[in-house]
Amino acid sequence: MSHEEPSGYPVPKPRWGEYAPAAPPSQQPAPPQPPAGYAPWQYPTPPKPARRTWDVVLTSILLVMGVIGTLIACFYAANLEEAVTTAARQREITPNGASTSVESLVMVVSHIVLLLAAAGISIPLLVRGRPIVFWIPLTAGVIAAIVFWVLLFIAIGSSFSISELQQLGSGA
């Protein structure tokens, strides 16, 4: 069986590995129709998750509070030795002369590293639209507060003997 081209000449039967001649347009099946609302060249895209405005605002507020907290910690660290000496003079106690420079340095460096880590993690996640990011600066703030108070107590505890600390606490 041979087909005829529109020009009227017979087309030979295809041999193995050759393409068969195309059927006339009237005999070809209709192409599949795209879903309603889409052009044939478009693919449906998944909807973007809604941006949580409250998360952006809360994360920004916590990061600003982190900057303020870091500045306050740096101020306290710079004046830590003087504050310990002043507290001792008010109670008429002589501190043992231990330096608080290590505690001050650790306090400043830890607060700066925690602030940079919180900003460096939370800001890119906010830009990408990831869900709920405010916990990152909140966690960094809690860790910074714990570091601050532990180092402050270490600095005070290392500057006085036990009996002097008891005297400081009793108010005598």
N, C-alpha and C. Protein backbone atom coordinates (compact mmCIF):
# COMPACT_ATOMS: atom_id res chain seq x y z
N MET A 1 0.84 -1.17 0.00
CA MET A 1 0.00 0.00 0.00
C MET A 1 0.88 1.22 0.00
N SER A 2 0.63 2.10 -0.87
CA SER A 2 1.42 3.32 -0.95
C SER A 2 0.51 4.53 -0.84
N HIS A 3 1.09 5.56 -0.34
CA HIS A 3 0.35 6.82 -0.19
C HIS A 3 0.72 7.73 -1.35
N GLU A 4 -0.09 8.69 -1.54
CA GLU A 4 0.22 9.66 -2.58
C GLU A 4 0.48 11.00 -1.95
N GLU A 5 1.48 11.68 -2.47
CA GLU A 5 1.75 13.04 -2.02
C GLU A 5 0.69 13.94 -2.62
N PRO A 6 0.56 15.14 -2.08
CA PRO A 6 -0.42 16.05 -2.66
C PRO A 6 -0.14 16.35 -4.13
N SER A 7 1.11 16.16 -4.57
CA SER A 7 1.42 16.43 -5.98
C SER A 7 0.91 15.31 -6.89
N GLY A 8 0.49 14.19 -6.29
CA GLY A 8 -0.05 13.10 -7.08
C GLY A 8 0.91 11.96 -7.31
N TYR A 9 2.19 12.08 -6.96
CA TYR A 9 3.15 10.99 -7.14
C TYR A 9 3.04 10.01 -5.99
N PRO A 10 3.18 8.71 -6.25
CA PRO A 10 3.10 7.74 -5.16
C PRO A 10 4.35 7.78 -4.28
N VAL A 11 4.17 7.60 -3.00
CA VAL A 11 5.26 7.58 -2.04
C VAL A 11 5.52 6.12 -1.69
N PRO A 12 6.78 5.65 -1.79
CA PRO A 12 7.04 4.24 -1.46
C PRO A 12 6.84 3.99 0.03
N LYS A 13 6.60 2.72 0.33
CA LYS A 13 6.42 2.29 1.70
C LYS A 13 7.73 2.49 2.46
N PRO A 14 7.69 2.98 3.71
CA PRO A 14 8.94 3.19 4.44
C PRO A 14 9.61 1.87 4.76
N ARG A 15 10.94 1.84 4.65
CA ARG A 15 11.70 0.66 5.02
C ARG A 15 12.12 0.79 6.48
N TRP A 16 12.78 -0.28 6.97
CA TRP A 16 13.16 -0.29 8.39
C TRP A 16 14.08 0.89 8.68
N GLY A 17 13.74 1.69 9.75
CA GLY A 17 14.54 2.83 10.18
C GLY A 17 14.16 4.12 9.51
N GLU A 18 13.22 4.10 8.57
CA GLU A 18 12.80 5.34 7.92
C GLU A 18 11.50 5.82 8.54
N TYR A 19 11.30 7.11 8.42
CA TYR A 19 10.06 7.69 8.94
C TYR A 19 8.93 7.47 7.95
N ALA A 20 7.78 7.20 8.48
CA ALA A 20 6.60 7.06 7.62
C ALA A 20 6.16 8.46 7.21
N PRO A 21 5.55 8.55 6.07
CA PRO A 21 5.08 9.87 5.64
C PRO A 21 3.99 10.38 6.58
N ALA A 22 3.95 11.67 6.71
CA ALA A 22 2.96 12.27 7.59
C ALA A 22 1.58 12.11 6.99
N ALA A 23 0.63 11.90 7.87
CA ALA A 23 -0.75 11.78 7.41
C ALA A 23 -1.26 13.16 7.04
N PRO A 24 -2.19 13.24 6.15
CA PRO A 24 -2.75 14.55 5.80
C PRO A 24 -3.35 15.22 7.03
N PRO A 25 -3.37 16.54 7.07
CA PRO A 25 -3.85 17.26 8.26
C PRO A 25 -5.25 16.85 8.68
N SER A 26 -6.06 16.44 7.78
CA SER A 26 -7.43 16.06 8.16
C SER A 26 -7.45 14.76 8.96
N GLN A 27 -6.41 13.90 8.85
CA GLN A 27 -6.39 12.62 9.54
C GLN A 27 -5.56 12.65 10.83
N GLN A 28 -4.83 13.76 11.11
CA GLN A 28 -4.00 13.84 12.33
C GLN A 28 -4.87 14.11 13.54
N PRO A 29 -4.49 13.50 14.69
CA PRO A 29 -5.28 13.78 15.90
C PRO A 29 -5.03 15.21 16.38
N ALA A 30 -6.01 15.77 17.04
CA ALA A 30 -5.89 17.14 17.55
C ALA A 30 -4.90 17.16 18.72
N PRO A 31 -4.10 18.22 18.83
CA PRO A 31 -3.16 18.30 19.96
C PRO A 31 -3.91 18.47 21.28
N PRO A 32 -3.32 18.02 22.37
CA PRO A 32 -4.01 18.16 23.66
C PRO A 32 -4.17 19.65 24.02
N GLN A 33 -5.27 19.96 24.64
CA GLN A 33 -5.57 21.34 25.01
C GLN A 33 -5.01 21.64 26.41
N PRO A 34 -4.41 22.83 26.59
CA PRO A 34 -3.90 23.19 27.92
C PRO A 34 -5.04 23.46 28.89
N PRO A 35 -4.77 23.38 30.19
CA PRO A 35 -5.83 23.67 31.16
C PRO A 35 -6.31 25.11 31.02
N ALA A 36 -7.50 25.36 31.47
CA ALA A 36 -8.08 26.70 31.36
C ALA A 36 -7.23 27.69 32.16
N GLY A 37 -6.99 28.84 31.57
CA GLY A 37 -6.24 29.88 32.26
C GLY A 37 -4.75 29.88 31.97
N TYR A 38 -4.26 28.92 31.23
CA TYR A 38 -2.83 28.85 30.92
C TYR A 38 -2.64 28.86 29.41
N ALA A 39 -1.63 29.58 28.98
CA ALA A 39 -1.27 29.54 27.57
C ALA A 39 -0.52 28.24 27.33
N PRO A 40 -0.47 27.74 26.11
CA PRO A 40 0.16 26.45 25.86
C PRO A 40 1.65 26.42 26.20
N TRP A 41 2.33 27.54 26.24
CA TRP A 41 3.77 27.57 26.51
C TRP A 41 4.09 27.78 27.99
N GLN A 42 3.08 27.96 28.82
CA GLN A 42 3.30 28.19 30.23
C GLN A 42 3.02 26.93 31.04
N TYR A 43 3.81 26.77 32.08
CA TYR A 43 3.57 25.69 33.02
C TYR A 43 3.08 26.31 34.31
N PRO A 44 2.18 25.66 34.99
CA PRO A 44 1.71 26.24 36.24
C PRO A 44 2.86 26.29 37.26
N THR A 45 2.99 27.41 37.94
CA THR A 45 4.02 27.56 38.96
C THR A 45 3.39 27.44 40.33
N PRO A 46 4.11 26.86 41.27
CA PRO A 46 3.54 26.74 42.61
C PRO A 46 3.40 28.14 43.22
N PRO A 47 2.38 28.35 43.99
CA PRO A 47 2.18 29.67 44.59
C PRO A 47 3.26 29.96 45.63
N LYS A 48 3.70 31.24 45.70
CA LYS A 48 4.69 31.63 46.69
C LYS A 48 4.02 31.71 48.05
N PRO A 49 4.73 31.27 49.10
CA PRO A 49 4.13 31.42 50.43
C PRO A 49 4.00 32.90 50.77
N ALA A 50 2.96 33.22 51.49
CA ALA A 50 2.72 34.60 51.87
C ALA A 50 3.83 35.08 52.82
N ARG A 51 4.33 36.27 52.57
CA ARG A 51 5.38 36.83 53.42
C ARG A 51 4.76 37.24 54.75
N ARG A 52 5.40 36.84 55.81
CA ARG A 52 4.91 37.17 57.14
C ARG A 52 5.52 38.51 57.55
N THR A 53 4.72 39.55 57.47
CA THR A 53 5.20 40.89 57.80
C THR A 53 5.61 40.98 59.26
N TRP A 54 4.87 40.35 60.12
CA TRP A 54 5.18 40.42 61.55
C TRP A 54 6.55 39.81 61.83
N ASP A 55 6.93 38.79 61.07
CA ASP A 55 8.23 38.15 61.27
C ASP A 55 9.36 39.08 60.85
N VAL A 56 9.16 39.78 59.74
CA VAL A 56 10.18 40.73 59.27
C VAL A 56 10.34 41.86 60.28
N VAL A 57 9.22 42.39 60.77
CA VAL A 57 9.27 43.50 61.74
C VAL A 57 9.90 43.04 63.04
N LEU A 58 9.49 41.90 63.55
CA LEU A 58 10.02 41.41 64.82
C LEU A 58 11.50 41.07 64.71
N THR A 59 11.91 40.46 63.61
CA THR A 59 13.33 40.14 63.42
C THR A 59 14.15 41.42 63.34
N SER A 60 13.64 42.42 62.63
CA SER A 60 14.36 43.70 62.53
C SER A 60 14.49 44.37 63.90
N ILE A 61 13.42 44.36 64.67
CA ILE A 61 13.46 44.96 66.01
C ILE A 61 14.46 44.23 66.89
N LEU A 62 14.46 42.90 66.83
CA LEU A 62 15.41 42.13 67.65
C LEU A 62 16.85 42.36 67.22
N LEU A 63 17.10 42.53 65.93
CA LEU A 63 18.46 42.81 65.47
C LEU A 63 18.91 44.20 65.92
N VAL A 64 18.01 45.19 65.89
CA VAL A 64 18.35 46.52 66.39
C VAL A 64 18.61 46.47 67.89
N MET A 65 17.80 45.71 68.61
CA MET A 65 18.05 45.55 70.06
C MET A 65 19.38 44.85 70.29
N GLY A 66 19.77 43.95 69.40
CA GLY A 66 21.06 43.29 69.51
C GLY A 66 22.21 44.27 69.34
N VAL A 67 22.06 45.21 68.41
CA VAL A 67 23.09 46.24 68.23
C VAL A 67 23.20 47.09 69.49
N ILE A 68 22.06 47.51 70.03
CA ILE A 68 22.06 48.32 71.26
C ILE A 68 22.65 47.52 72.41
N GLY A 69 22.26 46.26 72.55
CA GLY A 69 22.81 45.42 73.62
C GLY A 69 24.31 45.22 73.49
N THR A 70 24.79 45.08 72.26
CA THR A 70 26.23 44.93 72.04
C THR A 70 26.97 46.20 72.44
N LEU A 71 26.41 47.36 72.10
CA LEU A 71 27.04 48.62 72.50
C LEU A 71 27.06 48.77 74.02
N ILE A 72 25.98 48.40 74.68
CA ILE A 72 25.93 48.47 76.15
C ILE A 72 26.94 47.50 76.76
N ALA A 73 27.03 46.29 76.22
CA ALA A 73 28.00 45.32 76.73
C ALA A 73 29.43 45.82 76.55
N CYS A 74 29.70 46.46 75.41
CA CYS A 74 31.04 47.02 75.19
C CYS A 74 31.34 48.12 76.19
N PHE A 75 30.34 48.96 76.49
CA PHE A 75 30.53 50.01 77.49
C PHE A 75 30.82 49.42 78.87
N TYR A 76 30.03 48.43 79.26
CA TYR A 76 30.27 47.78 80.56
C TYR A 76 31.62 47.08 80.60
N ALA A 77 31.99 46.45 79.52
CA ALA A 77 33.28 45.75 79.48
C ALA A 77 34.44 46.73 79.60
N ALA A 78 34.29 47.90 78.97
CA ALA A 78 35.35 48.90 79.04
C ALA A 78 35.50 49.47 80.44
N ASN A 79 34.41 49.50 81.20
CA ASN A 79 34.43 50.10 82.54
C ASN A 79 34.31 49.07 83.65
N LEU A 80 34.51 47.79 83.35
CA LEU A 80 34.29 46.74 84.33
C LEU A 80 35.25 46.84 85.51
N GLU A 81 36.52 47.02 85.22
CA GLU A 81 37.50 47.07 86.31
C GLU A 81 37.25 48.29 87.20
N GLU A 82 36.93 49.41 86.60
CA GLU A 82 36.63 50.62 87.38
C GLU A 82 35.38 50.44 88.23
N ALA A 83 34.37 49.76 87.69
CA ALA A 83 33.14 49.53 88.43
C ALA A 83 33.38 48.62 89.63
N VAL A 84 34.21 47.60 89.45
CA VAL A 84 34.53 46.70 90.57
C VAL A 84 35.30 47.46 91.65
N THR A 85 36.26 48.29 91.25
CA THR A 85 37.05 49.07 92.21
C THR A 85 36.17 50.08 92.94
N THR A 86 35.25 50.72 92.24
CA THR A 86 34.35 51.69 92.87
C THR A 86 33.43 51.00 93.86
N ALA A 87 32.90 49.85 93.51
CA ALA A 87 32.04 49.10 94.44
C ALA A 87 32.81 48.70 95.68
N ALA A 88 34.08 48.34 95.51
CA ALA A 88 34.89 47.94 96.66
C ALA A 88 35.17 49.15 97.56
N ARG A 89 35.46 50.30 96.99
CA ARG A 89 35.72 51.49 97.80
C ARG A 89 34.49 51.93 98.55
N GLN A 90 33.31 51.78 97.96
CA GLN A 90 32.08 52.17 98.65
C GLN A 90 31.86 51.32 99.89
N ARG A 91 32.30 50.07 99.85
CA ARG A 91 32.15 49.15 101.00
C ARG A 91 33.40 49.11 101.86
N GLU A 92 34.35 49.95 101.51
CA GLU A 92 35.62 50.02 102.24
C GLU A 92 36.33 48.67 102.25
N ILE A 93 36.38 48.05 101.10
CA ILE A 93 37.05 46.77 100.91
C ILE A 93 38.15 46.98 99.88
N THR A 94 39.24 46.32 100.07
CA THR A 94 40.33 46.41 99.12
C THR A 94 40.25 45.21 98.18
N PRO A 95 40.08 45.45 96.86
CA PRO A 95 40.06 44.31 95.94
C PRO A 95 41.44 43.67 95.87
N ASN A 96 41.49 42.41 95.50
CA ASN A 96 42.75 41.68 95.50
C ASN A 96 43.64 42.01 94.30
N GLY A 97 43.22 42.95 93.47
CA GLY A 97 44.06 43.39 92.35
C GLY A 97 43.97 42.52 91.12
N ALA A 98 43.05 41.57 91.09
CA ALA A 98 42.90 40.72 89.91
C ALA A 98 42.35 41.55 88.75
N SER A 99 42.93 41.35 87.59
CA SER A 99 42.52 42.11 86.41
C SER A 99 41.26 41.49 85.81
N THR A 100 40.38 42.33 85.31
CA THR A 100 39.16 41.85 84.66
C THR A 100 39.26 42.01 83.14
N SER A 101 40.48 42.16 82.63
CA SER A 101 40.63 42.40 81.19
C SER A 101 40.23 41.18 80.35
N VAL A 102 40.46 39.98 80.87
CA VAL A 102 40.08 38.78 80.11
C VAL A 102 38.55 38.69 80.00
N GLU A 103 37.86 38.92 81.11
CA GLU A 103 36.40 38.88 81.08
C GLU A 103 35.85 39.96 80.15
N SER A 104 36.47 41.15 80.19
CA SER A 104 36.02 42.24 79.33
C SER A 104 36.21 41.89 77.85
N LEU A 105 37.35 41.34 77.53
CA LEU A 105 37.63 40.97 76.14
C LEU A 105 36.67 39.88 75.66
N VAL A 106 36.45 38.87 76.48
CA VAL A 106 35.53 37.79 76.09
C VAL A 106 34.11 38.33 75.93
N MET A 107 33.72 39.26 76.80
CA MET A 107 32.38 39.84 76.71
C MET A 107 32.20 40.60 75.39
N VAL A 108 33.15 41.42 75.04
CA VAL A 108 33.05 42.21 73.81
C VAL A 108 33.05 41.30 72.58
N VAL A 109 34.01 40.39 72.52
CA VAL A 109 34.13 39.51 71.34
C VAL A 109 32.89 38.62 71.19
N SER A 110 32.41 38.06 72.29
CA SER A 110 31.25 37.17 72.20
C SER A 110 30.00 37.91 71.74
N HIS A 111 29.81 39.13 72.23
CA HIS A 111 28.63 39.88 71.82
C HIS A 111 28.71 40.27 70.34
N ILE A 112 29.88 40.66 69.89
CA ILE A 112 30.02 41.03 68.47
C ILE A 112 29.83 39.80 67.58
N VAL A 113 30.41 38.67 67.95
CA VAL A 113 30.26 37.45 67.16
C VAL A 113 28.80 36.99 67.13
N LEU A 114 28.13 37.06 68.28
CA LEU A 114 26.72 36.65 68.31
C LEU A 114 25.85 37.57 67.46
N LEU A 115 26.12 38.87 67.51
CA LEU A 115 25.34 39.81 66.70
C LEU A 115 25.57 39.57 65.21
N LEU A 116 26.81 39.39 64.82
CA LEU A 116 27.11 39.14 63.41
C LEU A 116 26.52 37.81 62.94
N ALA A 117 26.56 36.81 63.79
CA ALA A 117 25.98 35.51 63.42
C ALA A 117 24.47 35.62 63.26
N ALA A 118 23.82 36.31 64.19
CA ALA A 118 22.36 36.47 64.11
C ALA A 118 21.96 37.24 62.85
N ALA A 119 22.68 38.31 62.55
CA ALA A 119 22.36 39.09 61.35
C ALA A 119 22.71 38.31 60.09
N GLY A 120 23.84 37.61 60.10
CA GLY A 120 24.28 36.87 58.92
C GLY A 120 23.42 35.68 58.59
N ILE A 121 22.72 35.16 59.58
CA ILE A 121 21.83 34.01 59.32
C ILE A 121 20.41 34.49 59.02
N SER A 122 19.90 35.44 59.81
CA SER A 122 18.49 35.81 59.68
C SER A 122 18.20 36.69 58.47
N ILE A 123 19.09 37.60 58.11
CA ILE A 123 18.81 38.49 56.98
C ILE A 123 18.71 37.71 55.66
N PRO A 124 19.65 36.82 55.33
CA PRO A 124 19.46 36.06 54.08
C PRO A 124 18.21 35.18 54.08
N LEU A 125 17.85 34.65 55.24
CA LEU A 125 16.64 33.84 55.30
C LEU A 125 15.40 34.71 55.09
N LEU A 126 15.42 35.93 55.61
CA LEU A 126 14.30 36.85 55.37
C LEU A 126 14.21 37.22 53.90
N VAL A 127 15.34 37.45 53.27
CA VAL A 127 15.34 37.82 51.86
C VAL A 127 14.79 36.69 51.00
N ARG A 128 15.14 35.46 51.34
CA ARG A 128 14.63 34.30 50.59
C ARG A 128 13.17 34.00 50.89
N GLY A 129 12.62 34.64 51.91
CA GLY A 129 11.22 34.41 52.25
C GLY A 129 11.00 33.15 53.06
N ARG A 130 12.01 32.72 53.78
CA ARG A 130 11.84 31.52 54.61
C ARG A 130 10.87 31.82 55.75
N PRO A 131 10.15 30.82 56.20
CA PRO A 131 9.18 31.07 57.27
C PRO A 131 9.85 31.24 58.62
N ILE A 132 9.32 32.11 59.39
CA ILE A 132 9.62 32.38 60.80
C ILE A 132 11.12 32.36 61.10
N VAL A 133 11.69 33.54 61.15
CA VAL A 133 13.13 33.70 61.34
C VAL A 133 13.45 34.42 62.65
N PHE A 134 12.44 34.99 63.32
CA PHE A 134 12.71 35.83 64.48
C PHE A 134 13.40 35.09 65.62
N TRP A 135 13.32 33.77 65.63
CA TRP A 135 13.92 33.01 66.72
C TRP A 135 15.44 33.07 66.68
N ILE A 136 16.03 33.39 65.54
CA ILE A 136 17.50 33.42 65.44
C ILE A 136 18.08 34.58 66.25
N PRO A 137 17.65 35.85 66.04
CA PRO A 137 18.20 36.91 66.89
C PRO A 137 17.73 36.79 68.34
N LEU A 138 16.57 36.21 68.56
CA LEU A 138 16.10 36.01 69.93
C LEU A 138 17.02 35.05 70.68
N THR A 139 17.38 33.96 70.03
CA THR A 139 18.29 32.98 70.63
C THR A 139 19.67 33.59 70.87
N ALA A 140 20.16 34.36 69.90
CA ALA A 140 21.46 35.02 70.07
C ALA A 140 21.41 36.00 71.24
N GLY A 141 20.29 36.69 71.42
CA GLY A 141 20.15 37.62 72.54
C GLY A 141 20.15 36.92 73.88
N VAL A 142 19.48 35.79 73.95
CA VAL A 142 19.47 35.02 75.20
C VAL A 142 20.87 34.52 75.54
N ILE A 143 21.57 34.00 74.54
CA ILE A 143 22.95 33.53 74.77
C ILE A 143 23.84 34.69 75.19
N ALA A 144 23.68 35.86 74.55
CA ALA A 144 24.48 37.03 74.90
C ALA A 144 24.21 37.47 76.34
N ALA A 145 22.95 37.43 76.76
CA ALA A 145 22.62 37.81 78.14
C ALA A 145 23.25 36.84 79.14
N ILE A 146 23.19 35.56 78.84
CA ILE A 146 23.80 34.57 79.74
C ILE A 146 25.31 34.79 79.82
N VAL A 147 25.95 35.01 78.68
CA VAL A 147 27.40 35.26 78.66
C VAL A 147 27.73 36.51 79.46
N PHE A 148 26.93 37.57 79.28
CA PHE A 148 27.17 38.83 79.99
C PHE A 148 27.14 38.63 81.49
N TRP A 149 26.07 38.03 82.00
CA TRP A 149 25.91 37.90 83.45
C TRP A 149 26.93 36.92 84.04
N VAL A 150 27.22 35.84 83.34
CA VAL A 150 28.23 34.89 83.85
C VAL A 150 29.59 35.57 83.94
N LEU A 151 29.97 36.31 82.91
CA LEU A 151 31.27 36.98 82.94
C LEU A 151 31.31 38.10 83.98
N LEU A 152 30.19 38.77 84.18
CA LEU A 152 30.13 39.80 85.21
C LEU A 152 30.32 39.19 86.60
N PHE A 153 29.65 38.09 86.86
CA PHE A 153 29.81 37.42 88.17
C PHE A 153 31.22 36.84 88.33
N ILE A 154 31.80 36.35 87.25
CA ILE A 154 33.17 35.85 87.34
C ILE A 154 34.13 37.00 87.66
N ALA A 155 33.93 38.15 87.02
CA ALA A 155 34.81 39.30 87.27
C ALA A 155 34.68 39.78 88.71
N ILE A 156 33.48 39.84 89.23
CA ILE A 156 33.29 40.27 90.62
C ILE A 156 33.83 39.21 91.57
N GLY A 157 33.56 37.95 91.27
CA GLY A 157 34.02 36.88 92.15
C GLY A 157 35.52 36.73 92.19
N SER A 158 36.19 37.03 91.09
CA SER A 158 37.65 36.89 91.07
C SER A 158 38.36 38.09 91.66
N SER A 159 37.64 39.18 91.88
CA SER A 159 38.27 40.38 92.43
C SER A 159 38.26 40.43 93.95
N PHE A 160 37.49 39.61 94.59
CA PHE A 160 37.35 39.65 96.05
C PHE A 160 37.48 38.24 96.62
N SER A 161 37.80 38.19 97.90
CA SER A 161 37.80 36.90 98.60
C SER A 161 36.37 36.59 99.05
N ILE A 162 36.15 35.38 99.53
CA ILE A 162 34.81 34.95 99.94
C ILE A 162 34.29 35.82 101.08
N SER A 163 35.12 36.11 102.06
CA SER A 163 34.66 36.92 103.20
C SER A 163 34.32 38.34 102.75
N GLU A 164 35.08 38.86 101.79
CA GLU A 164 34.76 40.21 101.29
C GLU A 164 33.47 40.20 100.51
N LEU A 165 33.21 39.13 99.73
CA LEU A 165 31.96 39.03 99.00
C LEU A 165 30.77 38.93 99.97
N GLN A 166 30.95 38.20 101.08
CA GLN A 166 29.89 38.13 102.08
C GLN A 166 29.64 39.49 102.70
N GLN A 167 30.71 40.25 102.89
CA GLN A 167 30.56 41.58 103.45
C GLN A 167 29.87 42.50 102.45
N LEU A 168 30.17 42.35 101.16
CA LEU A 168 29.49 43.13 100.14
C LEU A 168 27.99 42.81 100.12
N GLY A 169 27.65 41.54 100.26
CA GLY A 169 26.26 41.13 100.22
C GLY A 169 25.48 41.52 101.46
N SER A 170 26.13 41.59 102.60
CA SER A 170 25.40 41.90 103.83
C SER A 170 25.17 43.39 103.99
N GLY A 171 25.93 44.21 103.29
CA GLY A 171 25.75 45.65 103.39
C GLY A 171 26.47 46.24 104.60
N ALA A 172 27.30 45.46 105.28
CA ALA A 172 27.99 45.97 106.46
C ALA A 172 29.22 46.73 106.09
